[in-house]
């Protein structure tokens, strides 16, 4: 699990009209925002709409899966270019495979690594 300092709180959550960079993977969609505050490192939030899940348990399980994948992969990657990352699933949680989530985050980290 990511430490609390790496999670995006409600107070720091970006506004809908903030400028963003969007990335679409196989099962995930990532919005990256450039923060105007003096934040020291990247922060992550996972947003799962209720229509993509049958209950809170599966939504929380998905969030834990994504957070642990981020922690595992980002520890191997250098600094990221943006400060705020919001991650969304693209499809119903019942159809997502954990390996697809891990692969999407790996691909995202490699793409972000190449950007200035």
Protein backbone atom coordinates (compact mmCIF):
# COMPACT_ATOMS: atom_id res chain seq x y z
CA UNK A 1 0.00 0.00 0.00
CA UNK A 2 1.15 3.50 -0.71
CA UNK A 3 1.91 5.70 2.30
CA UNK A 4 -0.64 8.35 3.11
CA UNK A 5 1.76 11.09 1.95
CA UNK A 6 1.54 9.68 -1.60
CA UNK A 7 -2.26 9.63 -1.71
CA UNK A 8 -4.18 12.55 -3.14
CA UNK A 9 -6.49 14.01 -0.47
CA UNK A 10 -9.84 15.61 -1.17
CA UNK A 11 -8.42 19.05 -0.44
CA UNK A 12 -5.70 18.62 -3.08
CA UNK A 13 -7.94 16.89 -5.62
CA UNK A 14 -7.73 18.71 -8.98
CA UNK A 15 -10.70 20.62 -10.34
CA UNK A 16 -12.45 19.26 -13.40
CA UNK A 17 -11.31 22.18 -15.57
CA UNK A 18 -7.61 22.04 -14.55
CA UNK A 19 -5.24 21.33 -17.42
CA UNK A 20 -4.39 17.66 -17.66
CA UNK A 21 -2.62 15.03 -19.69
CA UNK A 22 -4.72 11.91 -20.32
CA UNK A 23 -3.42 8.41 -20.99
CA UNK A 24 -5.56 5.42 -21.96
CA UNK A 25 -4.35 1.91 -21.29
CA UNK A 26 -5.97 -1.45 -21.84
CA UNK A 27 -8.03 -1.33 -18.62
CA UNK A 28 -7.06 1.99 -16.97
CA UNK A 29 -7.39 5.69 -17.76
CA UNK A 30 -4.92 8.07 -16.11
CA UNK A 31 -5.26 11.84 -15.82
CA UNK A 32 -2.02 13.62 -14.87
CA UNK A 33 -2.20 17.17 -13.52
CA UNK A 34 0.61 19.64 -13.03
CA UNK A 35 0.24 20.97 -9.51
CA UNK A 36 0.62 24.63 -8.67
CA UNK A 37 1.41 23.94 -5.02
CA UNK A 38 4.81 23.18 -3.50
CA UNK A 39 4.17 19.48 -3.25
CA UNK A 40 7.36 17.42 -3.01
CA UNK A 41 6.37 14.35 -4.97
CA UNK A 42 3.64 12.73 -7.01
CA UNK A 43 0.31 11.89 -5.38
CA UNK A 44 -2.21 9.33 -6.60
CA UNK A 45 -5.98 8.89 -6.37
CA UNK A 46 -8.10 6.03 -7.65
CA UNK A 47 -11.68 6.89 -8.61
CA UNK A 48 -14.14 4.03 -9.12
CA UNK A 49 -17.70 5.04 -10.08
CA UNK A 50 -20.39 2.95 -8.42
CA UNK A 51 -21.80 1.98 -11.84
CA UNK A 52 -18.59 0.01 -12.57
CA UNK A 53 -18.86 -2.14 -9.45
CA UNK A 54 -21.44 -4.20 -7.63
CA UNK A 55 -20.43 -3.00 -4.17
CA UNK A 56 -18.03 -1.10 -1.98
CA UNK A 57 -15.99 -4.22 -1.22
CA UNK A 58 -15.00 -4.75 -4.86
CA UNK A 59 -14.27 -1.02 -5.30
CA UNK A 60 -11.98 -1.01 -2.27
CA UNK A 61 -10.30 -4.24 -3.37
CA UNK A 62 -9.59 -2.66 -6.76
CA UNK A 63 -8.19 0.47 -5.11
CA UNK A 64 -5.86 -1.62 -2.94
CA UNK A 65 -4.73 -3.58 -6.00
CA UNK A 66 -3.92 -0.40 -7.94
CA UNK A 67 -2.17 1.27 -4.98
CA UNK A 68 0.04 -1.75 -4.38
CA UNK A 69 0.89 -1.95 -8.09
CA UNK A 70 1.78 1.75 -8.09
CA UNK A 71 4.00 1.30 -5.05
CA UNK A 72 5.74 -1.72 -6.56
CA UNK A 73 6.38 -0.18 -9.97
CA UNK A 74 7.04 3.44 -9.02
CA UNK A 75 9.77 2.40 -6.59
CA UNK A 76 11.71 1.20 -9.66
CA UNK A 77 11.01 4.31 -11.75
CA UNK A 78 12.63 7.70 -11.37
CA UNK A 79 10.75 10.93 -10.66
CA UNK A 80 7.51 11.49 -12.53
CA UNK A 81 6.89 14.70 -14.52
CA UNK A 82 3.50 15.54 -13.00
CA UNK A 83 2.40 16.01 -9.39
CA UNK A 84 -1.16 14.65 -9.31
CA UNK A 85 -2.42 11.43 -10.90
CA UNK A 86 -6.05 10.31 -10.94
CA UNK A 87 -6.66 6.73 -12.09
CA UNK A 88 -9.99 5.37 -13.36
CA UNK A 89 -10.97 1.86 -14.51
CA UNK A 90 -12.32 1.78 -18.07
CA UNK A 91 -14.69 -1.14 -17.62
CA UNK A 92 -16.65 -3.08 -15.01
CA UNK A 93 -14.46 -4.39 -12.18
CA UNK A 94 -15.77 -7.95 -12.63
CA UNK A 95 -14.12 -8.14 -16.05
CA UNK A 96 -10.72 -6.76 -14.99
CA UNK A 97 -7.80 -9.10 -14.47
CA UNK A 98 -5.14 -8.10 -11.90
CA UNK A 99 -2.39 -8.82 -14.43
CA UNK A 100 -3.92 -6.32 -16.86
CA UNK A 101 -3.90 -3.62 -14.17
CA UNK A 102 -0.23 -4.32 -13.37
CA UNK A 103 0.69 -4.25 -17.05
CA UNK A 104 -1.13 -0.95 -17.62
CA UNK A 105 0.75 0.68 -14.75
CA UNK A 106 4.07 -0.69 -16.05
CA UNK A 107 3.37 0.70 -19.53
CA UNK A 108 2.27 4.05 -18.05
CA UNK A 109 5.45 4.27 -15.95
CA UNK A 110 7.64 3.56 -18.99
CA UNK A 111 5.86 6.22 -21.06
CA UNK A 112 6.11 8.79 -18.26
CA UNK A 113 9.78 7.96 -17.74
CA UNK A 114 10.55 9.01 -21.31
CA UNK A 115 8.77 12.39 -20.95
CA UNK A 116 10.68 15.41 -19.61
